[in-house]
Amino acid sequence: TLTYTLPFKLADTSVLPLMIQKQPGTNANEYIINVNGKKLQEFKLSADKTLNLNL
């Protein structure tokens, strides 16, 4: 589990880019992206991935 708090406030209609990099030699780990208690995405990371989270 990783928890991150932004050091600034976003506008209610903001899009937040998030890049997750797969580490070489690791299996495809499962990720669940939650924002403010709401599940936005769930996936297995088999390659680097960039998400644009609509907040």
C-alpha atoms as a PDB file:
ATOM      1  CA  THR A   1       0.000   0.000   0.000  1.00  0.00           C
ATOM      2  CA  LEU A   2       1.249   3.427  -0.938  1.00  0.00           C
ATOM      3  CA  THR A   3      -0.494   6.563   0.292  1.00  0.00           C
ATOM      4  CA  TYR A   4       0.373   9.954  -1.153  1.00  0.00           C
ATOM      5  CA  THR A   5      -1.003  13.377  -0.301  1.00  0.00           C
ATOM      6  CA  LEU A   6      -0.544  16.143  -2.853  1.00  0.00           C
ATOM      7  CA  PRO A   7       1.283  19.173  -1.453  1.00  0.00           C
ATOM      8  CA  PHE A   8      -1.275  21.458  -3.121  1.00  0.00           C
ATOM      9  CA  LYS A   9      -5.023  21.559  -3.767  1.00  0.00           C
ATOM     10  CA  LEU A  10      -6.397  20.702  -7.202  1.00  0.00           C
ATOM     11  CA  ALA A  11      -9.454  22.266  -8.784  1.00  0.00           C
ATOM     12  CA  ASP A  12     -12.537  20.033  -8.657  1.00  0.00           C
ATOM     13  CA  THR A  13     -12.354  19.346 -12.407  1.00  0.00           C
ATOM     14  CA  SER A  14      -8.610  18.710 -12.562  1.00  0.00           C
ATOM     15  CA  VAL A  15      -6.857  15.866 -14.338  1.00  0.00           C
ATOM     16  CA  LEU A  16      -3.860  14.442 -12.491  1.00  0.00           C
ATOM     17  CA  PRO A  17      -1.215  12.606 -14.554  1.00  0.00           C
ATOM     18  CA  LEU A  18       0.277   9.560 -12.829  1.00  0.00           C
ATOM     19  CA  MET A  19       3.118   7.462 -14.245  1.00  0.00           C
ATOM     20  CA  ILE A  20       3.826   4.019 -12.806  1.00  0.00           C
ATOM     21  CA  GLN A  21       7.004   2.304 -13.953  1.00  0.00           C
ATOM     22  CA  LYS A  22       7.407  -1.469 -13.980  1.00  0.00           C
ATOM     23  CA  GLN A  23      10.675  -2.606 -12.501  1.00  0.00           C
ATOM     24  CA  PRO A  24      12.729  -4.883 -14.798  1.00  0.00           C
ATOM     25  CA  GLY A  25      12.686  -8.544 -13.826  1.00  0.00           C
ATOM     26  CA  THR A  26       9.501  -8.325 -11.747  1.00  0.00           C
ATOM     27  CA  ASN A  27       6.193 -10.017 -12.436  1.00  0.00           C
ATOM     28  CA  ALA A  28       3.093  -8.088 -13.464  1.00  0.00           C
ATOM     29  CA  ASN A  29       1.973  -6.770 -10.076  1.00  0.00           C
ATOM     30  CA  GLU A  30      -1.651  -5.835  -9.475  1.00  0.00           C
ATOM     31  CA  TYR A  31      -2.411  -2.170  -8.811  1.00  0.00           C
ATOM     32  CA  ILE A  32      -5.587  -0.601  -7.480  1.00  0.00           C
ATOM     33  CA  ILE A  33      -5.808   3.183  -7.773  1.00  0.00           C
ATOM     34  CA  ASN A  34      -8.046   4.787  -5.131  1.00  0.00           C
ATOM     35  CA  VAL A  35      -8.599   8.534  -4.811  1.00  0.00           C
ATOM     36  CA  ASN A  36     -10.518   9.853  -1.813  1.00  0.00           C
ATOM     37  CA  GLY A  37     -11.815   6.347  -1.081  1.00  0.00           C
ATOM     38  CA  LYS A  38     -13.134   5.789  -4.629  1.00  0.00           C
ATOM     39  CA  LYS A  39     -11.626   3.036  -6.814  1.00  0.00           C
ATOM     40  CA  LEU A  40     -10.698   4.575 -10.171  1.00  0.00           C
ATOM     41  CA  GLN A  41      -8.739   1.758 -11.824  1.00  0.00           C
ATOM     42  CA  GLU A  42      -7.500  -1.770 -11.235  1.00  0.00           C
ATOM     43  CA  PHE A  43      -4.916  -3.467 -13.472  1.00  0.00           C
ATOM     44  CA  LYS A  44      -1.831  -5.686 -13.669  1.00  0.00           C
ATOM     45  CA  LEU A  45       1.257  -3.684 -14.558  1.00  0.00           C
ATOM     46  CA  SER A  46       3.161  -5.543 -17.280  1.00  0.00           C
ATOM     47  CA  ALA A  47       4.759  -2.384 -18.778  1.00  0.00           C
ATOM     48  CA  ASP A  48       5.160   1.274 -17.824  1.00  0.00           C
ATOM     49  CA  LYS A  49       1.786   3.003 -17.695  1.00  0.00           C
ATOM     50  CA  THR A  50       0.674   6.639 -17.631  1.00  0.00           C
ATOM     51  CA  LEU A  51      -2.783   7.390 -16.281  1.00  0.00           C
ATOM     52  CA  ASN A  52      -4.740  10.625 -16.415  1.00  0.00           C
ATOM     53  CA  LEU A  53      -6.906  10.565 -13.307  1.00  0.00           C
ATOM     54  CA  ASN A  54     -10.072  12.643 -13.500  1.00  0.00           C
ATOM     55  CA  LEU A  55     -10.630  13.988 -10.019  1.00  0.00           C
END
